Amino acid sequence: MSVRVRLKRLGKKKSPFYRVVVANSRAPRDGKTIEEIGIYDPQQDPVLFEVKKDRVEHWISVGAELSDPIQRLLGNAGIVPKKERKSTNQGVARKDIKEKSEN
């Protein structure tokens, strides 16, 4: 069973609120979870993000994967190292892009 730390969406329409949960990676987004370890509310000002650091570290140590949004949020909070973003073609001349696509 592959376990993943991810977001579970709650709240009403157009007003999302998320719980940070540990769940089977094959389970539906809002389905059954193993453990709830935090909350994330992007609607508040400032944004509310709280997690149980010890539980996050425990689940990572036993092999749980992090979803991309959770990786970004935990990186911003300083709990895990920030993930390097893949570079885009910014700063590359259009001519160079055309040459690469023709090859």
PDB file of N, CA and C in Angstrom:
ATOM      1  N   MET A   1       0.848  -1.176   0.000  1.00  0.00           N
ATOM      2  CA  MET A   1       0.000   0.000   0.000  1.00  0.00           C
ATOM      3  C   MET A   1       0.891   1.236   0.000  1.00  0.00           C
ATOM      4  N   SER A   2       0.732   2.071  -1.003  1.00  0.00           N
ATOM      5  CA  SER A   2       1.491   3.306  -1.105  1.00  0.00           C
ATOM      6  C   SER A   2       0.732   4.417  -0.382  1.00  0.00           C
ATOM      7  N   VAL A   3       1.419   5.092   0.499  1.00  0.00           N
ATOM      8  CA  VAL A   3       0.791   6.136   1.311  1.00  0.00           C
ATOM      9  C   VAL A   3       1.298   7.493   0.851  1.00  0.00           C
ATOM     10  N   ARG A   4       0.402   8.480   0.865  1.00  0.00           N
ATOM     11  CA  ARG A   4       0.751   9.806   0.396  1.00  0.00           C
ATOM     12  C   ARG A   4       0.197  10.862   1.350  1.00  0.00           C
ATOM     13  N   VAL A   5       0.990  11.908   1.587  1.00  0.00           N
ATOM     14  CA  VAL A   5       0.527  13.070   2.350  1.00  0.00           C
ATOM     15  C   VAL A   5      -0.019  14.043   1.322  1.00  0.00           C
ATOM     16  N   ARG A   6      -1.287  14.431   1.470  1.00  0.00           N
ATOM     17  CA  ARG A   6      -1.923  15.285   0.466  1.00  0.00           C
ATOM     18  C   ARG A   6      -3.035  16.119   1.089  1.00  0.00           C
ATOM     19  N   LEU A   7      -3.719  16.896   0.251  1.00  0.00           N
ATOM     20  CA  LEU A   7      -4.791  17.767   0.718  1.00  0.00           C
ATOM     21  C   LEU A   7      -6.150  17.116   0.479  1.00  0.00           C
ATOM     22  N   LYS A   8      -7.050  17.276   1.450  1.00  0.00           N
ATOM     23  CA  LYS A   8      -8.431  16.817   1.332  1.00  0.00           C
ATOM     24  C   LYS A   8      -9.303  18.063   1.329  1.00  0.00           C
ATOM     25  N   ARG A   9     -10.095  18.250   0.278  1.00  0.00           N
ATOM     26  CA  ARG A   9     -10.865  19.484   0.124  1.00  0.00           C
ATOM     27  C   ARG A   9     -12.157  19.425   0.929  1.00  0.00           C
ATOM     28  N   LEU A  10     -12.392  20.510   1.659  1.00  0.00           N
ATOM     29  CA  LEU A  10     -13.624  20.697   2.415  1.00  0.00           C
ATOM     30  C   LEU A  10     -14.149  22.089   2.086  1.00  0.00           C
ATOM     31  N   GLY A  11     -15.210  22.489   2.740  1.00  0.00           N
ATOM     32  CA  GLY A  11     -15.749  23.827   2.528  1.00  0.00           C
ATOM     33  C   GLY A  11     -16.864  23.811   1.504  1.00  0.00           C
ATOM     34  N   LYS A  12     -17.457  24.976   1.319  1.00  0.00           N
ATOM     35  CA  LYS A  12     -18.550  25.044   0.359  1.00  0.00           C
ATOM     36  C   LYS A  12     -18.042  25.461  -1.014  1.00  0.00           C
ATOM     37  N   LYS A  13     -18.939  25.502  -1.956  1.00  0.00           N
ATOM     38  CA  LYS A  13     -18.590  25.830  -3.322  1.00  0.00           C
ATOM     39  C   LYS A  13     -17.914  27.197  -3.399  1.00  0.00           C
ATOM     40  N   LYS A  14     -16.820  27.281  -4.123  1.00  0.00           N
ATOM     41  CA  LYS A  14     -16.034  28.503  -4.338  1.00  0.00           C
ATOM     42  C   LYS A  14     -15.378  29.033  -3.061  1.00  0.00           C
ATOM     43  N   SER A  15     -15.389  28.247  -1.998  1.00  0.00           N
ATOM     44  CA  SER A  15     -14.750  28.641  -0.753  1.00  0.00           C
ATOM     45  C   SER A  15     -14.017  27.439  -0.158  1.00  0.00           C
ATOM     46  N   PRO A  16     -12.895  27.054  -0.781  1.00  0.00           N
ATOM     47  CA  PRO A  16     -12.225  25.829  -0.347  1.00  0.00           C
ATOM     48  C   PRO A  16     -11.492  25.977   0.981  1.00  0.00           C
ATOM     49  N   PHE A  17     -11.418  24.886   1.684  1.00  0.00           N
ATOM     50  CA  PHE A  17     -10.691  24.741   2.933  1.00  0.00           C
ATOM     51  C   PHE A  17     -10.122  23.336   2.880  1.00  0.00           C
ATOM     52  N   TYR A  18      -8.878  23.161   3.269  1.00  0.00           N
ATOM     53  CA  TYR A  18      -8.240  21.862   3.100  1.00  0.00           C
ATOM     54  C   TYR A  18      -7.743  21.308   4.423  1.00  0.00           C
ATOM     55  N   ARG A  19      -7.746  19.983   4.524  1.00  0.00           N
ATOM     56  CA  ARG A  19      -7.081  19.297   5.617  1.00  0.00           C
ATOM     57  C   ARG A  19      -5.873  18.586   5.030  1.00  0.00           C
ATOM     58  N   VAL A  20      -4.767  18.627   5.748  1.00  0.00           N
ATOM     59  CA  VAL A  20      -3.576  17.889   5.352  1.00  0.00           C
ATOM     60  C   VAL A  20      -3.747  16.494   5.932  1.00  0.00           C
ATOM     61  N   VAL A  21      -3.783  15.493   5.049  1.00  0.00           N
ATOM     62  CA  VAL A  21      -4.078  14.134   5.485  1.00  0.00           C
ATOM     63  C   VAL A  21      -3.055  13.141   4.950  1.00  0.00           C
ATOM     64  N   VAL A  22      -3.008  11.998   5.603  1.00  0.00           N
ATOM     65  CA  VAL A  22      -2.238  10.856   5.122  1.00  0.00           C
ATOM     66  C   VAL A  22      -3.268   9.853   4.625  1.00  0.00           C
ATOM     67  N   ALA A  23      -3.131   9.441   3.355  1.00  0.00           N
ATOM     68  CA  ALA A  23      -4.119   8.545   2.764  1.00  0.00           C
ATOM     69  C   ALA A  23      -3.455   7.585   1.795  1.00  0.00           C
ATOM     70  N   ASN A  24      -4.149   6.502   1.509  1.00  0.00           N
ATOM     71  CA  ASN A  24      -3.714   5.577   0.478  1.00  0.00           C
ATOM     72  C   ASN A  24      -3.694   6.352  -0.836  1.00  0.00           C
ATOM     73  N   SER A  25      -2.647   6.186  -1.632  1.00  0.00           N
ATOM     74  CA  SER A  25      -2.516   6.975  -2.854  1.00  0.00           C
ATOM     75  C   SER A  25      -3.595   6.648  -3.877  1.00  0.00           C
ATOM     76  N   ARG A  26      -4.231   5.494  -3.752  1.00  0.00           N
ATOM     77  CA  ARG A  26      -5.276   5.112  -4.703  1.00  0.00           C
ATOM     78  C   ARG A  26      -6.676   5.513  -4.238  1.00  0.00           C
ATOM     79  N   ALA A  27      -6.794   6.020  -3.032  1.00  0.00           N
ATOM     80  CA  ALA A  27      -8.092   6.430  -2.500  1.00  0.00           C
ATOM     81  C   ALA A  27      -8.529   7.742  -3.150  1.00  0.00           C
ATOM     82  N   PRO A  28      -9.840   7.999  -3.226  1.00  0.00           N
ATOM     83  CA  PRO A  28     -10.313   9.271  -3.789  1.00  0.00           C
ATOM     84  C   PRO A  28      -9.820  10.463  -2.969  1.00  0.00           C
ATOM     85  N   ARG A  29      -9.768  11.631  -3.593  1.00  0.00           N
ATOM     86  CA  ARG A  29      -9.240  12.837  -2.945  1.00  0.00           C
ATOM     87  C   ARG A  29      -9.929  13.119  -1.612  1.00  0.00           C
ATOM     88  N   ASP A  30     -11.247  13.009  -1.586  1.00  0.00           N
ATOM     89  CA  ASP A  30     -11.993  13.306  -0.365  1.00  0.00           C
ATOM     90  C   ASP A  30     -12.461  12.036   0.343  1.00  0.00           C
ATOM     91  N   GLY A  31     -11.818  10.921   0.056  1.00  0.00           N
ATOM     92  CA  GLY A  31     -12.225   9.637   0.620  1.00  0.00           C
ATOM     93  C   GLY A  31     -11.631   9.378   1.994  1.00  0.00           C
ATOM     94  N   LYS A  32     -11.562   8.093   2.314  1.00  0.00           N
ATOM     95  CA  LYS A  32     -11.092   7.646   3.622  1.00  0.00           C
ATOM     96  C   LYS A  32      -9.617   7.988   3.808  1.00  0.00           C
ATOM     97  N   THR A  33      -9.273   8.453   5.006  1.00  0.00           N
ATOM     98  CA  THR A  33      -7.890   8.819   5.310  1.00  0.00           C
ATOM     99  C   THR A  33      -7.362   7.979   6.466  1.00  0.00           C
ATOM    100  N   ILE A  34      -6.046   7.935   6.562  1.00  0.00           N
ATOM    101  CA  ILE A  34      -5.403   7.216   7.658  1.00  0.00           C
ATOM    102  C   ILE A  34      -5.277   8.129   8.872  1.00  0.00           C
ATOM    103  N   GLU A  35      -4.853   9.384   8.623  1.00  0.00           N
ATOM    104  CA  GLU A  35      -4.654  10.333   9.721  1.00  0.00           C
ATOM    105  C   GLU A  35      -4.743  11.759   9.190  1.00  0.00           C
ATOM    106  N   GLU A  36      -5.330  12.650   9.976  1.00  0.00           N
ATOM    107  CA  GLU A  36      -5.357  14.076   9.646  1.00  0.00           C
ATOM    108  C   GLU A  36      -4.246  14.743  10.440  1.00  0.00           C
ATOM    109  N   ILE A  37      -3.348  15.447   9.736  1.00  0.00           N
ATOM    110  CA  ILE A  37      -2.176  16.001  10.417  1.00  0.00           C
ATOM    111  C   ILE A  37      -2.066  17.520  10.316  1.00  0.00           C
ATOM    112  N   GLY A  38      -3.061  18.182   9.730  1.00  0.00           N
ATOM    113  CA  GLY A  38      -2.978  19.633   9.666  1.00  0.00           C
ATOM    114  C   GLY A  38      -4.129  20.245   8.896  1.00  0.00           C
ATOM    115  N   ILE A  39      -4.066  21.592   8.768  1.00  0.00           N
ATOM    116  CA  ILE A  39      -5.085  22.334   8.027  1.00  0.00           C
ATOM    117  C   ILE A  39      -4.422  23.375   7.140  1.00  0.00           C
ATOM    118  N   TYR A  40      -5.124  23.735   6.057  1.00  0.00           N
ATOM    119  CA  TYR A  40      -4.660  24.763   5.128  1.00  0.00           C
ATOM    120  C   TYR A  40      -5.876  25.525   4.647  1.00  0.00           C
ATOM    121  N   ASP A  41      -5.893  26.838   4.904  1.00  0.00           N
ATOM    122  CA  ASP A  41      -7.001  27.687   4.473  1.00  0.00           C
ATOM    123  C   ASP A  41      -6.451  28.831   3.631  1.00  0.00           C
ATOM    124  N   PRO A  42      -6.510  28.704   2.296  1.00  0.00           N
ATOM    125  CA  PRO A  42      -5.969  29.752   1.432  1.00  0.00           C
ATOM    126  C   PRO A  42      -6.831  31.008   1.385  1.00  0.00           C
ATOM    127  N   GLN A  43      -8.060  30.964   1.903  1.00  0.00           N
ATOM    128  CA  GLN A  43      -8.964  32.108   1.847  1.00  0.00           C
ATOM    129  C   GLN A  43      -8.677  33.139   2.937  1.00  0.00           C
ATOM    130  N   GLN A  44      -8.057  32.710   4.030  1.00  0.00           N
ATOM    131  CA  GLN A  44      -7.774  33.638   5.126  1.00  0.00           C
ATOM    132  C   GLN A  44      -6.652  34.583   4.747  1.00  0.00           C
ATOM    133  N   ASP A  45      -6.607  35.721   5.394  1.00  0.00           N
ATOM    134  CA  ASP A  45      -5.521  36.667   5.171  1.00  0.00           C
ATOM    135  C   ASP A  45      -4.892  36.977   6.517  1.00  0.00           C
ATOM    136  N   PRO A  46      -3.688  36.566   6.833  1.00  0.00           N
ATOM    137  CA  PRO A  46      -2.767  35.773   6.010  1.00  0.00           C
ATOM    138  C   PRO A  46      -3.216  34.317   5.919  1.00  0.00           C
ATOM    139  N   VAL A  47      -2.691  33.624   4.920  1.00  0.00           N
ATOM    140  CA  VAL A  47      -3.051  32.228   4.670  1.00  0.00           C
ATOM    141  C   VAL A  47      -2.739  31.379   5.902  1.00  0.00           C
ATOM    142  N   LEU A  48      -3.684  30.530   6.283  1.00  0.00           N
ATOM    143  CA  LEU A  48      -3.521  29.661   7.448  1.00  0.00           C
ATOM    144  C   LEU A  48      -2.973  28.313   7.001  1.00  0.00           C
ATOM    145  N   PHE A  49      -1.812  27.932   7.545  1.00  0.00           N
ATOM    146  CA  PHE A  49      -1.229  26.614   7.275  1.00  0.00           C
ATOM    147  C   PHE A  49      -0.607  26.109   8.557  1.00  0.00           C
ATOM    148  N   GLU A  50      -1.201  25.069   9.129  1.00  0.00           N
ATOM    149  CA  GLU A  50      -0.703  24.478  10.367  1.00  0.00           C
ATOM    150  C   GLU A  50      -0.613  22.967  10.188  1.00  0.00           C
ATOM    151  N   VAL A  51       0.529  22.401  10.572  1.00  0.00           N
ATOM    152  CA  VAL A  51       0.689  20.943  10.535  1.00  0.00           C
ATOM    153  C   VAL A  51       1.386  20.479  11.807  1.00  0.00           C
ATOM    154  N   LYS A  52       1.188  19.210  12.122  1.00  0.00           N
ATOM    155  CA  LYS A  52       1.903  18.586  13.231  1.00  0.00           C
ATOM    156  C   LYS A  52       3.243  18.115  12.674  1.00  0.00           C
ATOM    157  N   LYS A  53       4.286  18.882  12.961  1.00  0.00           N
ATOM    158  CA  LYS A  53       5.606  18.624  12.380  1.00  0.00           C
ATOM    159  C   LYS A  53       6.109  17.221  12.701  1.00  0.00           C
ATOM    160  N   ASP A  54       5.915  16.777  13.934  1.00  0.00           N
ATOM    161  CA  ASP A  54       6.405  15.445  14.302  1.00  0.00           C
ATOM    162  C   ASP A  54       5.706  14.345  13.511  1.00  0.00           C
ATOM    163  N   ARG A  55       4.417  14.505  13.232  1.00  0.00           N
ATOM    164  CA  ARG A  55       3.683  13.497  12.462  1.00  0.00           C
ATOM    165  C   ARG A  55       4.099  13.509  10.991  1.00  0.00           C
ATOM    166  N   VAL A  56       4.375  14.694  10.444  1.00  0.00           N
ATOM    167  CA  VAL A  56       4.862  14.781   9.061  1.00  0.00           C
ATOM    168  C   VAL A  56       6.193  14.059   8.954  1.00  0.00           C
ATOM    169  N   GLU A  57       7.099  14.338   9.883  1.00  0.00           N
ATOM    170  CA  GLU A  57       8.414  13.694   9.864  1.00  0.00           C
ATOM    171  C   GLU A  57       8.284  12.183  10.040  1.00  0.00           C
ATOM    172  N   HIS A  58       7.352  11.747  10.888  1.00  0.00           N
ATOM    173  CA  HIS A  58       7.133  10.310  11.076  1.00  0.00           C
ATOM    174  C   HIS A  58       6.700   9.654   9.764  1.00  0.00           C
ATOM    175  N   TRP A  59       5.703  10.236   9.092  1.00  0.00           N
ATOM    176  CA  TRP A  59       5.192   9.627   7.867  1.00  0.00           C
ATOM    177  C   TRP A  59       6.230   9.648   6.753  1.00  0.00           C
ATOM    178  N   ILE A  60       7.043  10.691   6.683  1.00  0.00           N
ATOM    179  CA  ILE A  60       8.111  10.723   5.680  1.00  0.00           C
ATOM    180  C   ILE A  60       9.129   9.628   5.986  1.00  0.00           C
ATOM    181  N   SER A  61       9.432   9.428   7.274  1.00  0.00           N
ATOM    182  CA  SER A  61      10.429   8.421   7.657  1.00  0.00           C
ATOM    183  C   SER A  61       9.976   6.996   7.348  1.00  0.00           C
ATOM    184  N   VAL A  62       8.672   6.755   7.343  1.00  0.00           N
ATOM    185  CA  VAL A  62       8.184   5.411   7.034  1.00  0.00           C
ATOM    186  C   VAL A  62       7.863   5.243   5.553  1.00  0.00           C
ATOM    187  N   GLY A  63       8.192   6.243   4.741  1.00  0.00           N
ATOM    188  CA  GLY A  63       8.093   6.089   3.290  1.00  0.00           C
ATOM    189  C   GLY A  63       6.915   6.744   2.613  1.00  0.00           C
ATOM    190  N   ALA A  64       6.188   7.613   3.286  1.00  0.00           N
ATOM    191  CA  ALA A  64       5.069   8.288   2.635  1.00  0.00           C
ATOM    192  C   ALA A  64       5.592   9.304   1.623  1.00  0.00           C
ATOM    193  N   GLU A  65       4.902   9.402   0.487  1.00  0.00           N
ATOM    194  CA  GLU A  65       5.255  10.382  -0.533  1.00  0.00           C
ATOM    195  C   GLU A  65       4.514  11.678  -0.239  1.00  0.00           C
ATOM    196  N   LEU A  66       5.050  12.793  -0.729  1.00  0.00           N
ATOM    197  CA  LEU A  66       4.395  14.084  -0.581  1.00  0.00           C
ATOM    198  C   LEU A  66       3.810  14.488  -1.924  1.00  0.00           C
ATOM    199  N   SER A  67       2.573  14.976  -1.922  1.00  0.00           N
ATOM    200  CA  SER A  67       2.008  15.497  -3.162  1.00  0.00           C
ATOM    201  C   SER A  67       2.712  16.819  -3.481  1.00  0.00           C
ATOM    202  N   ASP A  68       2.619  17.271  -4.718  1.00  0.00           N
ATOM    203  CA  ASP A  68       3.307  18.498  -5.120  1.00  0.00           C
ATOM    204  C   ASP A  68       2.874  19.726  -4.305  1.00  0.00           C
ATOM    205  N   PRO A  69       1.556  19.954  -4.100  1.00  0.00           N
ATOM    206  CA  PRO A  69       1.172  21.112  -3.279  1.00  0.00           C
ATOM    207  C   PRO A  69       1.690  21.025  -1.838  1.00  0.00           C
ATOM    208  N   ILE A  70       1.676  19.832  -1.270  1.00  0.00           N
ATOM    209  CA  ILE A  70       2.173  19.661   0.100  1.00  0.00           C
ATOM    210  C   ILE A  70       3.673  19.872   0.146  1.00  0.00           C
ATOM    211  N   GLN A  71       4.392  19.392  -0.858  1.00  0.00           N
ATOM    212  CA  GLN A  71       5.843  19.606  -0.936  1.00  0.00           C
ATOM    213  C   GLN A  71       6.144  21.106  -0.936  1.00  0.00           C
ATOM    214  N   ARG A  72       5.374  21.873  -1.722  1.00  0.00           N
ATOM    215  CA  ARG A  72       5.571  23.323  -1.798  1.00  0.00           C
ATOM    216  C   ARG A  72       5.242  23.997  -0.467  1.00  0.00           C
ATOM    217  N   LEU A  73       4.110  23.637   0.138  1.00  0.00           N
ATOM    218  CA  LEU A  73       3.702  24.254   1.404  1.00  0.00           C
ATOM    219  C   LEU A  73       4.668  23.921   2.536  1.00  0.00           C
ATOM    220  N   LEU A  74       5.090  22.667   2.626  1.00  0.00           N
ATOM    221  CA  LEU A  74       6.033  22.278   3.676  1.00  0.00           C
ATOM    222  C   LEU A  74       7.404  22.901   3.438  1.00  0.00           C
ATOM    223  N   GLY A  75       7.782  23.081   2.184  1.00  0.00           N
ATOM    224  CA  GLY A  75       9.042  23.755   1.862  1.00  0.00           C
ATOM    225  C   GLY A  75       9.010  25.209   2.290  1.00  0.00           C
ATOM    226  N   ASN A  76       7.883  25.882   2.039  1.00  0.00           N
ATOM    227  CA  ASN A  76       7.740  27.283   2.453  1.00  0.00           C
ATOM    228  C   ASN A  76       7.736  27.416   3.972  1.00  0.00           C
ATOM    229  N   ALA A  77       7.221  26.398   4.664  1.00  0.00           N
ATOM    230  CA  ALA A  77       7.186  26.418   6.131  1.00  0.00           C
ATOM    231  C   ALA A  77       8.523  26.011   6.740  1.00  0.00           C
ATOM    232  N   GLY A  78       9.441  25.493   5.924  1.00  0.00           N
ATOM    233  CA  GLY A  78      10.756  25.106   6.415  1.00  0.00           C
ATOM    234  C   GLY A  78      10.806  23.727   7.051  1.00  0.00           C
ATOM    235  N   ILE A  79       9.796  22.918   6.826  1.00  0.00           N
ATOM    236  CA  ILE A  79       9.759  21.582   7.419  1.00  0.00           C
ATOM    237  C   ILE A  79      10.547  20.587   6.570  1.00  0.00           C
ATOM    238  N   VAL A  80      10.447  20.713   5.265  1.00  0.00           N
ATOM    239  CA  VAL A  80      11.223  19.874   4.338  1.00  0.00           C
ATOM    240  C   VAL A  80      11.981  20.807   3.393  1.00  0.00           C
ATOM    241  N   PRO A  81      13.038  20.317   2.743  1.00  0.00           N
ATOM    242  CA  PRO A  81      13.752  21.171   1.785  1.00  0.00           C
ATOM    243  C   PRO A  81      12.845  21.546   0.617  1.00  0.00           C
ATOM    244  N   LYS A  82      13.024  22.775   0.117  1.00  0.00           N
ATOM    245  CA  LYS A  82      12.224  23.209  -1.021  1.00  0.00           C
ATOM    246  C   LYS A  82      12.589  22.396  -2.251  1.00  0.00           C
ATOM    247  N   LYS A  83      11.578  22.063  -3.030  1.00  0.00           N
ATOM    248  CA  LYS A  83      11.783  21.294  -4.250  1.00  0.00           C
ATOM    249  C   LYS A  83      12.204  22.252  -5.359  1.00  0.00           C
ATOM    250  N   GLU A  84      13.231  21.857  -6.102  1.00  0.00           N
ATOM    251  CA  GLU A  84      13.689  22.685  -7.215  1.00  0.00           C
ATOM    252  C   GLU A  84      12.628  22.690  -8.300  1.00  0.00           C
ATOM    253  N   ARG A  85      12.305  23.878  -8.787  1.00  0.00           N
ATOM    254  CA  ARG A  85      11.350  23.982  -9.879  1.00  0.00           C
ATOM    255  C   ARG A  85      12.057  23.726 -11.192  1.00  0.00           C
ATOM    256  N   LYS A  86      11.379  23.060 -12.092  1.00  0.00           N
ATOM    257  CA  LYS A  86      11.949  22.841 -13.412  1.00  0.00           C
ATOM    258  C   LYS A  86      11.948  24.175 -14.144  1.00  0.00           C
ATOM    259  N   SER A  87      13.053  24.477 -14.793  1.00  0.00           N
ATOM    260  CA  SER A  87      13.121  25.757 -15.482  1.00  0.00           C
ATOM    261  C   SER A  87      12.328  25.686 -16.777  1.00  0.00           C
ATOM    262  N   THR A  88      11.760  26.806 -17.126  1.00  0.00           N
ATOM    263  CA  THR A  88      11.039  26.916 -18.385  1.00  0.00           C
ATOM    264  C   THR A  88      11.955  27.579 -19.396  1.00  0.00           C
ATOM    265  N   ASN A  89      11.416  27.981 -20.476  1.00  0.00           N
ATOM    266  CA  ASN A  89      12.220  28.619 -21.508  1.00  0.00           C
ATOM    267  C   ASN A  89      12.347  30.123 -21.284  1.00  0.00           C
ATOM    268  N   GLN A  90      12.119  30.588 -20.091  1.00  0.00           N
ATOM    269  CA  GLN A  90      12.266  32.010 -19.805  1.00  0.00           C
ATOM    270  C   GLN A  90      13.720  32.409 -19.960  1.00  0.00           C
ATOM    271  N   GLY A  91      13.936  33.530 -20.581  1.00  0.00           N
ATOM    272  CA  GLY A  91      15.291  34.023 -20.750  1.00  0.00           C
ATOM    273  C   GLY A  91      15.998  33.431 -21.953  1.00  0.00           C
ATOM    274  N   VAL A  92      15.333  32.564 -22.692  1.00  0.00           N
ATOM    275  CA  VAL A  92      15.917  31.977 -23.891  1.00  0.00           C
ATOM    276  C   VAL A  92      15.299  32.670 -25.094  1.00  0.00           C
ATOM    277  N   ALA A  93      16.139  33.063 -26.027  1.00  0.00           N
ATOM    278  CA  ALA A  93      15.649  33.771 -27.208  1.00  0.00           C
ATOM    279  C   ALA A  93      14.742  32.865 -28.030  1.00  0.00           C
ATOM    280  N   ARG A  94      13.756  33.466 -28.691  1.00  0.00           N
ATOM    281  CA  ARG A  94      12.829  32.699 -29.519  1.00  0.00           C
ATOM    282  C   ARG A  94      13.568  31.922 -30.605  1.00  0.00           C
ATOM    283  N   LYS A  95      14.621  32.510 -31.118  1.00  0.00           N
ATOM    284  CA  LYS A  95      15.399  31.856 -32.165  1.00  0.00           C
ATOM    285  C   LYS A  95      15.967  30.530 -31.647  1.00  0.00           C
ATOM    286  N   ASP A  96      16.469  30.541 -30.421  1.00  0.00           N
ATOM    287  CA  ASP A  96      17.024  29.321 -29.832  1.00  0.00           C
ATOM    288  C   ASP A  96      15.941  28.262 -29.625  1.00  0.00           C
ATOM    289  N   ILE A  97      14.750  28.694 -29.248  1.00  0.00           N
ATOM    290  CA  ILE A  97      13.648  27.758 -29.039  1.00  0.00           C
ATOM    291  C   ILE A  97      13.265  27.108 -30.361  1.00  0.00           C
ATOM    292  N   LYS A  98      13.183  27.906 -31.431  1.00  0.00           N
ATOM    293  CA  LYS A  98      12.848  27.359 -32.746  1.00  0.00           C
ATOM    294  C   LYS A  98      13.899  26.356 -33.198  1.00  0.00           C
ATOM    295  N   GLU A  99      15.165  26.665 -32.966  1.00  0.00           N
ATOM    296  CA  GLU A  99      16.235  25.758 -33.377  1.00  0.00           C
ATOM    297  C   GLU A  99      16.132  24.428 -32.629  1.00  0.00           C
ATOM    298  N   LYS A 100      15.814  24.482 -31.347  1.00  0.00           N
ATOM    299  CA  LYS A 100      15.683  23.252 -30.567  1.00  0.00           C
ATOM    300  C   LYS A 100      14.500  22.418 -31.041  1.00  0.00           C
ATOM    301  N   SER A 101      13.392  23.082 -31.385  1.00  0.00           N
ATOM    302  CA  SER A 101      12.207  22.344 -31.802  1.00  0.00           C
ATOM    303  C   SER A 101      12.367  21.744 -33.193  1.00  0.00           C
ATOM    304  N   GLU A 102      13.197  22.345 -34.041  1.00  0.00           N
ATOM    305  CA  GLU A 102      13.412  21.822 -35.388  1.00  0.00           C
ATOM    306  C   GLU A 102      14.296  20.588 -35.366  1.00  0.00           C
ATOM    307  N   ASN A 103      15.171  20.471 -34.383  1.00  0.00           N
ATOM    308  CA  ASN A 103      16.093  19.319 -34.329  1.00  0.00           C
ATOM    309  C   ASN A 103      15.426  18.088 -33.895  1.00  0.00           C
TER     310      ASN A 103
END
